[in-house]
C-alpha atoms as a PDB file:
ATOM      1  CA  MET A   1      13.605 -15.769  27.723  1.00  0.00           C
ATOM      2  CA  THR A   2      13.298 -18.708  25.240  1.00  0.00           C
ATOM      3  CA  GLU A   3      12.148 -18.139  21.563  1.00  0.00           C
ATOM      4  CA  GLY A   4       8.488 -18.530  20.749  1.00  0.00           C
ATOM      5  CA  PRO A   5       6.899 -20.388  17.895  1.00  0.00           C
ATOM      6  CA  LEU A   6       8.073 -17.774  15.445  1.00  0.00           C
ATOM      7  CA  GLY A   7      11.758 -18.306  15.933  1.00  0.00           C
ATOM      8  CA  ARG A   8      14.440 -15.552  15.593  1.00  0.00           C
ATOM      9  CA  PHE A   9      13.489 -12.336  13.804  1.00  0.00           C
ATOM     10  CA  LEU A  10      15.414 -12.206  10.561  1.00  0.00           C
ATOM     11  CA  GLU A  11      14.132  -8.914   8.808  1.00  0.00           C
ATOM     12  CA  LEU A  12      11.579  -6.373   8.222  1.00  0.00           C
ATOM     13  CA  ALA A  13      10.977  -7.006   4.363  1.00  0.00           C
ATOM     14  CA  LEU A  14      10.396  -3.819   2.372  1.00  0.00           C
ATOM     15  CA  SER A  15       8.994  -4.114  -1.174  1.00  0.00           C
ATOM     16  CA  THR A  16       9.923  -1.456  -3.623  1.00  0.00           C
ATOM     17  CA  ARG A  17      10.098  -0.630  -7.302  1.00  0.00           C
ATOM     18  CA  ASP A  18      13.294   1.371  -6.804  1.00  0.00           C
ATOM     19  CA  LEU A  19      15.511  -1.041  -5.114  1.00  0.00           C
ATOM     20  CA  LEU A  20      18.761   1.097  -5.990  1.00  0.00           C
ATOM     21  CA  GLY A  21      17.265   4.339  -4.518  1.00  0.00           C
ATOM     22  CA  LEU A  22      16.308   2.573  -1.230  1.00  0.00           C
ATOM     23  CA  TYR A  23      19.830   0.800  -1.170  1.00  0.00           C
ATOM     24  CA  HIS A  24      21.710   4.168  -1.557  1.00  0.00           C
ATOM     25  CA  CYS A  25      19.437   5.903   1.097  1.00  0.00           C
ATOM     26  CA  LEU A  26      20.238   3.328   3.737  1.00  0.00           C
ATOM     27  CA  GLN A  27      23.873   3.329   2.833  1.00  0.00           C
ATOM     28  CA  ALA A  28      23.795   7.157   3.241  1.00  0.00           C
ATOM     29  CA  LEU A  29      22.145   6.715   6.698  1.00  0.00           C
ATOM     30  CA  GLY A  30      24.929   4.725   7.986  1.00  0.00           C
ATOM     31  CA  PHE A  31      23.471   1.250   7.807  1.00  0.00           C
ATOM     32  CA  THR A  32      25.682  -1.734   7.069  1.00  0.00           C
ATOM     33  CA  GLU A  33      24.976  -3.962   3.985  1.00  0.00           C
ATOM     34  CA  ALA A  34      24.854  -7.696   4.886  1.00  0.00           C
ATOM     35  CA  PRO A  35      26.262 -10.208   2.513  1.00  0.00           C
ATOM     36  CA  THR A  36      23.252 -12.430   1.129  1.00  0.00           C
ATOM     37  CA  THR A  37      23.234 -15.998   0.085  1.00  0.00           C
ATOM     38  CA  ASP A  38      21.899 -17.921  -2.810  1.00  0.00           C
ATOM     39  CA  ALA A  39      18.604 -18.658  -1.138  1.00  0.00           C
ATOM     40  CA  ARG A  40      17.132 -15.363  -2.865  1.00  0.00           C
ATOM     41  CA  THR A  41      17.430 -14.378  -6.331  1.00  0.00           C
ATOM     42  CA  ALA A  42      18.580 -11.067  -7.777  1.00  0.00           C
ATOM     43  CA  GLY A  43      16.641  -8.094  -6.519  1.00  0.00           C
ATOM     44  CA  TYR A  44      17.489  -8.447  -2.924  1.00  0.00           C
ATOM     45  CA  ALA A  45      19.665  -6.628  -0.521  1.00  0.00           C
ATOM     46  CA  VAL A  46      19.938  -6.339   3.285  1.00  0.00           C
ATOM     47  CA  PHE A  47      21.082  -3.584   5.517  1.00  0.00           C
ATOM     48  CA  THR A  48      21.324  -3.491   9.274  1.00  0.00           C
ATOM     49  CA  ASP A  49      22.480  -1.255  12.214  1.00  0.00           C
ATOM     50  CA  GLY A  50      23.136  -4.365  14.540  1.00  0.00           C
ATOM     51  CA  ARG A  51      19.595  -4.175  16.084  1.00  0.00           C
ATOM     52  CA  ILE A  52      17.044  -3.851  13.176  1.00  0.00           C
ATOM     53  CA  THR A  53      17.506  -5.507   9.830  1.00  0.00           C
ATOM     54  CA  LEU A  54      15.896  -4.294   6.596  1.00  0.00           C
ATOM     55  CA  GLY A  55      15.481  -6.665   3.691  1.00  0.00           C
ATOM     56  CA  LEU A  56      15.088  -4.986   0.361  1.00  0.00           C
ATOM     57  CA  HIS A  57      13.031  -6.713  -2.179  1.00  0.00           C
ATOM     58  CA  GLU A  58      12.564  -5.383  -5.641  1.00  0.00           C
ATOM     59  CA  ALA A  59       9.049  -5.891  -7.013  1.00  0.00           C
ATOM     60  CA  ALA A  60       7.144  -4.367 -10.007  1.00  0.00           C
ATOM     61  CA  THR A  61       4.151  -4.119  -7.741  1.00  0.00           C
ATOM     62  CA  PRO A  62       5.037  -3.607  -4.198  1.00  0.00           C
ATOM     63  CA  THR A  63       3.395  -5.019  -1.276  1.00  0.00           C
ATOM     64  CA  ALA A  64       3.213  -4.146   2.472  1.00  0.00           C
ATOM     65  CA  ALA A  65       6.049  -4.497   4.640  1.00  0.00           C
ATOM     66  CA  ALA A  66       6.308  -8.158   6.028  1.00  0.00           C
ATOM     67  CA  LEU A  67       7.904  -9.253   9.318  1.00  0.00           C
ATOM     68  CA  VAL A  68      10.408 -12.262   8.602  1.00  0.00           C
ATOM     69  CA  PHE A  69      11.361 -14.916  11.018  1.00  0.00           C
ATOM     70  CA  VAL A  70      13.697 -17.791  10.658  1.00  0.00           C
ATOM     71  CA  ARG A  71      13.221 -21.211  12.634  1.00  0.00           C
ATOM     72  CA  PRO A  72      13.680 -24.862  12.032  1.00  0.00           C
ATOM     73  CA  GLU A  73      10.897 -27.641  11.253  1.00  0.00           C
ATOM     74  CA  LEU A  74       8.515 -25.539   9.604  1.00  0.00           C
ATOM     75  CA  ARG A  75       6.291 -28.551   8.698  1.00  0.00           C
ATOM     76  CA  ALA A  76       5.789 -29.405  12.250  1.00  0.00           C
ATOM     77  CA  LEU A  77       4.979 -25.698  13.077  1.00  0.00           C
ATOM     78  CA  ALA A  78       2.495 -25.509  10.408  1.00  0.00           C
ATOM     79  CA  THR A  79       0.658 -28.334  11.827  1.00  0.00           C
ATOM     80  CA  ALA A  80       0.880 -27.021  15.391  1.00  0.00           C
ATOM     81  CA  LEU A  81      -0.413 -23.492  14.403  1.00  0.00           C
ATOM     82  CA  THR A  82      -3.396 -25.095  12.372  1.00  0.00           C
ATOM     83  CA  VAL A  83      -4.258 -27.066  15.518  1.00  0.00           C
ATOM     84  CA  ARG A  84      -4.329 -23.868  17.478  1.00  0.00           C
ATOM     85  CA  GLY A  85      -6.736 -22.244  15.029  1.00  0.00           C
ATOM     86  CA  ILE A  86      -4.213 -19.854  13.402  1.00  0.00           C
ATOM     87  CA  GLU A  87      -4.902 -19.712   9.696  1.00  0.00           C
ATOM     88  CA  LEU A  88      -1.996 -19.979   7.326  1.00  0.00           C
ATOM     89  CA  GLN A  89      -1.835 -17.731   4.318  1.00  0.00           C
ATOM     90  CA  SER A  90       0.589 -19.810   2.414  1.00  0.00           C
ATOM     91  CA  LEU A  91       2.771 -22.872   2.954  1.00  0.00           C
ATOM     92  CA  GLN A  92       5.792 -23.802   0.864  1.00  0.00           C
ATOM     93  CA  LEU A  93       7.347 -27.185   1.889  1.00  0.00           C
ATOM     94  CA  ASP A  94       8.503 -28.518  -1.491  1.00  0.00           C
ATOM     95  CA  ASP A  95      12.114 -29.704  -1.594  1.00  0.00           C
ATOM     96  CA  GLY A  96      12.926 -27.765  -4.691  1.00  0.00           C
ATOM     97  CA  ALA A  97      12.430 -24.412  -2.992  1.00  0.00           C
ATOM     98  CA  PRO A  98      13.281 -22.674   0.444  1.00  0.00           C
ATOM     99  CA  HIS A  99      10.540 -23.811   2.848  1.00  0.00           C
ATOM    100  CA  GLU A 100       8.503 -20.858   3.931  1.00  0.00           C
ATOM    101  CA  LEU A 101       5.110 -20.181   5.558  1.00  0.00           C
ATOM    102  CA  THR A 102       3.042 -16.985   6.058  1.00  0.00           C
ATOM    103  CA  LEU A 103       0.219 -15.850   8.286  1.00  0.00           C
ATOM    104  CA  GLN A 104      -1.334 -12.510   9.353  1.00  0.00           C
ATOM    105  CA  ASP A 105      -2.009 -10.848  12.468  1.00  0.00           C
ATOM    106  CA  PRO A 106      -5.591  -9.610  13.323  1.00  0.00           C
ATOM    107  CA  ASP A 107      -4.798  -6.246  11.508  1.00  0.00           C
ATOM    108  CA  GLY A 108      -3.604  -7.984   8.367  1.00  0.00           C
ATOM    109  CA  GLN A 109       0.125  -7.589   9.054  1.00  0.00           C
ATOM    110  CA  THR A 110       1.906 -10.380   7.178  1.00  0.00           C
ATOM    111  CA  LEU A 111       4.509 -12.690   9.119  1.00  0.00           C
ATOM    112  CA  CYS A 112       6.758 -14.918   7.036  1.00  0.00           C
ATOM    113  CA  LEU A 113       8.545 -17.787   8.511  1.00  0.00           C
ATOM    114  CA  ARG A 114      11.584 -19.365   6.740  1.00  0.00           C
ATOM    115  CA  GLU A 115      13.595 -22.369   7.445  1.00  0.00           C
ATOM    116  CA  ALA A 116      16.937 -20.835   6.196  1.00  0.00           C
ATOM    117  CA  ARG A 117      18.564 -17.406   6.638  1.00  0.00           C
ATOM    118  CA  THR A 118      19.114 -15.346   3.485  1.00  0.00           C
ATOM    119  CA  PHE A 119      22.174 -13.334   4.668  1.00  0.00           C
ATOM    120  CA  SER A 120      25.153 -13.353   6.859  1.00  0.00           C
ATOM    121  CA  THR A 121      25.313 -11.093   9.669  1.00  0.00           C
ATOM    122  CA  PRO A 122      28.050  -8.375   9.247  1.00  0.00           C
ATOM    123  CA  HIS A 123      30.246  -6.767  11.705  1.00  0.00           C
ATOM    124  CA  ILE A 124      28.854  -3.296  12.624  1.00  0.00           C
ATOM    125  CA  GLU A 125      31.480  -0.560  13.034  1.00  0.00           C
ATOM    126  CA  ARG A 126      29.470   2.292  13.831  1.00  0.00           C
ATOM    127  CA  ALA A 127      25.879   3.258  14.718  1.00  0.00           C
ATOM    128  CA  ALA A 128      23.485   4.130  12.002  1.00  0.00           C
ATOM    129  CA  ASP A 129      22.318   7.984  11.706  1.00  0.00           C
ATOM    130  CA  PRO A 130      18.930   7.490  13.175  1.00  0.00           C
ATOM    131  CA  GLY A 131      20.357   6.644  16.632  1.00  0.00           C
ATOM    132  CA  TRP A 132      19.581   3.614  18.914  1.00  0.00           C
ATOM    133  CA  PHE A 133      16.827   1.447  17.345  1.00  0.00           C
ATOM    134  CA  THR A 134      14.242   0.653  20.243  1.00  0.00           C
ATOM    135  CA  GLU A 135      11.097  -0.904  18.557  1.00  0.00           C
ATOM    136  CA  LEU A 136       9.268  -1.770  15.350  1.00  0.00           C
ATOM    137  CA  MET A 137       6.000   0.222  15.318  1.00  0.00           C
ATOM    138  CA  LEU A 138       2.798  -1.597  14.154  1.00  0.00           C
ATOM    139  CA  PRO A 139      -0.745  -0.085  13.827  1.00  0.00           C
ATOM    140  CA  VAL A 140      -3.474  -1.976  15.449  1.00  0.00           C
ATOM    141  CA  THR A 141      -7.234  -1.653  15.603  1.00  0.00           C
ATOM    142  CA  GLU A 142      -8.163  -3.522  18.858  1.00  0.00           C
ATOM    143  CA  LEU A 143      -5.217  -3.393  21.359  1.00  0.00           C
ATOM    144  CA  PRO A 144      -6.257  -6.380  23.471  1.00  0.00           C
ATOM    145  CA  VAL A 145      -6.793  -8.635  20.598  1.00  0.00           C
ATOM    146  CA  ALA A 146      -3.385  -7.739  19.107  1.00  0.00           C
ATOM    147  CA  ILE A 147      -1.633  -8.171  22.398  1.00  0.00           C
ATOM    148  CA  ALA A 148      -3.223 -11.755  22.707  1.00  0.00           C
ATOM    149  CA  PHE A 149      -2.225 -12.662  19.260  1.00  0.00           C
ATOM    150  CA  TRP A 150       1.502 -11.732  19.769  1.00  0.00           C
ATOM    151  CA  GLU A 151       1.593 -13.226  23.253  1.00  0.00           C
ATOM    152  CA  ALA A 152       0.341 -16.675  21.784  1.00  0.00           C
ATOM    153  CA  LEU A 153       3.399 -16.419  19.565  1.00  0.00           C
ATOM    154  CA  GLY A 154       5.781 -16.041  22.196  1.00  0.00           C
ATOM    155  CA  PHE A 155       5.993 -12.234  22.864  1.00  0.00           C
ATOM    156  CA  VAL A 156       5.877 -10.898  26.480  1.00  0.00           C
ATOM    157  CA  HIS A 157       3.791  -7.899  27.121  1.00  0.00           C
ATOM    158  CA  LEU A 158       5.950  -5.328  28.989  1.00  0.00           C
ATOM    159  CA  GLY A 159       3.113  -2.664  29.576  1.00  0.00           C
ATOM    160  CA  GLU A 160       2.656   0.883  28.126  1.00  0.00           C
ATOM    161  CA  GLU A 161       5.206   3.448  27.026  1.00  0.00           C
ATOM    162  CA  ARG A 162       4.274   7.055  26.184  1.00  0.00           C
ATOM    163  CA  THR A 163       6.935   8.018  23.724  1.00  0.00           C
ATOM    164  CA  PRO A 164       6.303   9.077  21.083  1.00  0.00           C
ATOM    165  CA  TRP A 165       2.649   8.418  21.870  1.00  0.00           C
ATOM    166  CA  PRO A 166       0.903   5.873  24.368  1.00  0.00           C
ATOM    167  CA  HIS A 167       1.199   2.357  22.952  1.00  0.00           C
ATOM    168  CA  ALA A 168       1.760  -1.209  24.212  1.00  0.00           C
ATOM    169  CA  VAL A 169       5.265  -2.554  24.297  1.00  0.00           C
ATOM    170  CA  LEU A 170       6.042  -6.385  23.674  1.00  0.00           C
ATOM    171  CA  THR A 171       9.265  -8.083  23.629  1.00  0.00           C
ATOM    172  CA  SER A 172      11.234 -11.291  22.438  1.00  0.00           C
ATOM    173  CA  ASP A 173      14.617 -12.466  22.436  1.00  0.00           C
ATOM    174  CA  THR A 174      15.195 -10.588  19.123  1.00  0.00           C
ATOM    175  CA  LEU A 175      12.578  -7.938  18.557  1.00  0.00           C
ATOM    176  CA  ASN A 176      10.834  -5.262  20.319  1.00  0.00           C
ATOM    177  CA  LEU A 177       7.285  -4.410  19.160  1.00  0.00           C
ATOM    178  CA  GLY A 178       5.208  -1.237  19.743  1.00  0.00           C
ATOM    179  CA  LEU A 179       1.517  -1.580  19.081  1.00  0.00           C
ATOM    180  CA  TYR A 180       0.068   1.707  18.255  1.00  0.00           C
ATOM    181  CA  PRO A 181      -3.635   3.077  17.598  1.00  0.00           C
ATOM    182  CA  ARG A 182      -4.296   2.998  13.902  1.00  0.00           C
ATOM    183  CA  GLN A 183      -5.058   6.716  14.089  1.00  0.00           C
ATOM    184  CA  ARG A 184      -1.524   7.447  15.013  1.00  0.00           C
ATOM    185  CA  LEU A 185       0.194   4.986  12.600  1.00  0.00           C
ATOM    186  CA  ASP A 186      -1.030   3.557   9.268  1.00  0.00           C
ATOM    187  CA  ARG A 187       1.941   1.194   8.350  1.00  0.00           C
ATOM    188  CA  PRO A 188       4.904  -0.363  10.161  1.00  0.00           C
ATOM    189  CA  GLY A 189       7.484   2.195  11.243  1.00  0.00           C
ATOM    190  CA  LEU A 190      10.912   2.124  13.037  1.00  0.00           C
ATOM    191  CA  LEU A 191      11.524   4.079  16.402  1.00  0.00           C
ATOM    192  CA  PHE A 192      14.967   5.178  17.404  1.00  0.00           C
ATOM    193  CA  GLN A 193      16.189   7.350  20.176  1.00  0.00           C
ATOM    194  CA  SER A 194      19.152   9.897  20.076  1.00  0.00           C
ATOM    195  CA  GLU A 195      20.870  12.174  22.481  1.00  0.00           C
ATOM    196  CA  SER A 196      20.759  14.890  19.774  1.00  0.00           C
ATOM    197  CA  VAL A 197      17.576  15.119  17.526  1.00  0.00           C
ATOM    198  CA  SER A 198      18.990  18.203  15.867  1.00  0.00           C
ATOM    199  CA  ASP A 199      22.155  16.114  14.769  1.00  0.00           C
ATOM    200  CA  VAL A 200      19.876  13.531  13.297  1.00  0.00           C
ATOM    201  CA  GLN A 201      17.956  15.844  11.470  1.00  0.00           C
ATOM    202  CA  ARG A 202      20.800  17.385   9.875  1.00  0.00           C
ATOM    203  CA  ARG A 203      22.153  13.974   8.767  1.00  0.00           C
ATOM    204  CA  PHE A 204      18.742  12.983   7.455  1.00  0.00           C
ATOM    205  CA  GLU A 205      18.417  16.196   5.419  1.00  0.00           C
ATOM    206  CA  HIS A 206      21.923  15.821   4.026  1.00  0.00           C
ATOM    207  CA  SER A 207      20.848  12.382   2.825  1.00  0.00           C
ATOM    208  CA  GLY A 208      17.953  13.925   0.962  1.00  0.00           C
ATOM    209  CA  LEU A 209      15.233  12.905   3.324  1.00  0.00           C
ATOM    210  CA  PRO A 210      12.606  15.763   4.137  1.00  0.00           C
ATOM    211  CA  THR A 211      11.833  15.857   7.941  1.00  0.00           C
ATOM    212  CA  ARG A 212       9.271  17.027  10.347  1.00  0.00           C
ATOM    213  CA  ARG A 213      10.331  18.024  13.806  1.00  0.00           C
ATOM    214  CA  PHE A 214       8.182  18.959  16.810  1.00  0.00           C
ATOM    215  CA  THR A 215       7.850  18.517  20.573  1.00  0.00           C
ATOM    216  CA  ASP A 216       5.215  16.398  22.272  1.00  0.00           C
ATOM    217  CA  SER A 217       4.844  16.185  26.031  1.00  0.00           C
ATOM    218  CA  GLY A 218       8.350  17.467  26.491  1.00  0.00           C
ATOM    219  CA  VAL A 219       9.774  14.974  24.063  1.00  0.00           C
ATOM    220  CA  GLU A 220      11.564  16.048  20.844  1.00  0.00           C
ATOM    221  CA  LEU A 221      10.414  13.992  17.943  1.00  0.00           C
ATOM    222  CA  LEU A 222      11.670  13.791  14.386  1.00  0.00           C
ATOM    223  CA  ASN A 223       9.884  12.135  11.380  1.00  0.00           C
ATOM    224  CA  ALA A 224      11.153  11.219   8.112  1.00  0.00           C
ATOM    225  CA  HIS A 225      10.167   8.346   5.493  1.00  0.00           C
ATOM    226  CA  LEU A 226      12.390   6.095   3.503  1.00  0.00           C
ATOM    227  CA  PRO A 227      12.003   6.252  -0.214  1.00  0.00           C
ATOM    228  CA  ASP A 228       9.554   3.288  -0.111  1.00  0.00           C
ATOM    229  CA  GLY A 229       7.445   5.149   2.539  1.00  0.00           C
ATOM    230  CA  THR A 230       8.556   3.461   5.612  1.00  0.00           C
ATOM    231  CA  PRO A 231       8.293   5.938   8.678  1.00  0.00           C
ATOM    232  CA  LEU A 232      11.271   6.544  10.600  1.00  0.00           C
ATOM    233  CA  TRP A 233      10.532   8.117  14.102  1.00  0.00           C
ATOM    234  CA  VAL A 234      13.404   9.501  16.271  1.00  0.00           C
ATOM    235  CA  ALA A 235      12.694  10.430  19.990  1.00  0.00           C
ATOM    236  CA  SER A 236      15.007  12.504  22.292  1.00  0.00           C
ATOM    237  CA  ASP A 237      16.433  10.598  25.355  1.00  0.00           C
ATOM    238  CA  VAL A 238      14.247  11.317  28.302  1.00  0.00           C
END
């Protein structure tokens, strides 16, 4: 599968007033910190489990989480997207600053495209506590519209999954997306799978995260939230 117009997924950018609190939480959950470059100012940190990467952005007024991708030749891409009728939210191509453009999906989810990476990928020695990351969960209002948008940007629709609830699954070289009815999900979340939901629950609670655990259609589910409010869902292997 080749990369689509978005390029390679870089990070889920989380905006927070308490960067240090989120930093220590991800550290306690077994995520690995990535060395950052000079492309970003202070107030930025990155953690990864080898499959999903979270960028921590300190902000006095936090904004919603953004999906960040990296690819070359943003100037040409901006022109191509405009020709295809995709509205750009912002475009920064001045030579004195990192090149960047932003757009939104039909549900208002921000996508940010950059021309340069902002961190170096670290060597991952062990899995993070939540388990095996399977998909980035996104809430949508009209599923066919959302599927068409992401397919136009290079994602492939794989069909429907039922864990933790019925949803559409799309994939690219670097990211799996789960599109969920907005009644089930009101903000982007992270879905993991684990052989032992009980063990994950103990590790979450040891890290100070309140949890909610239940069974739905024979699948054990665990829910917790990062300090910035990002939902973490862990499902038992089925």
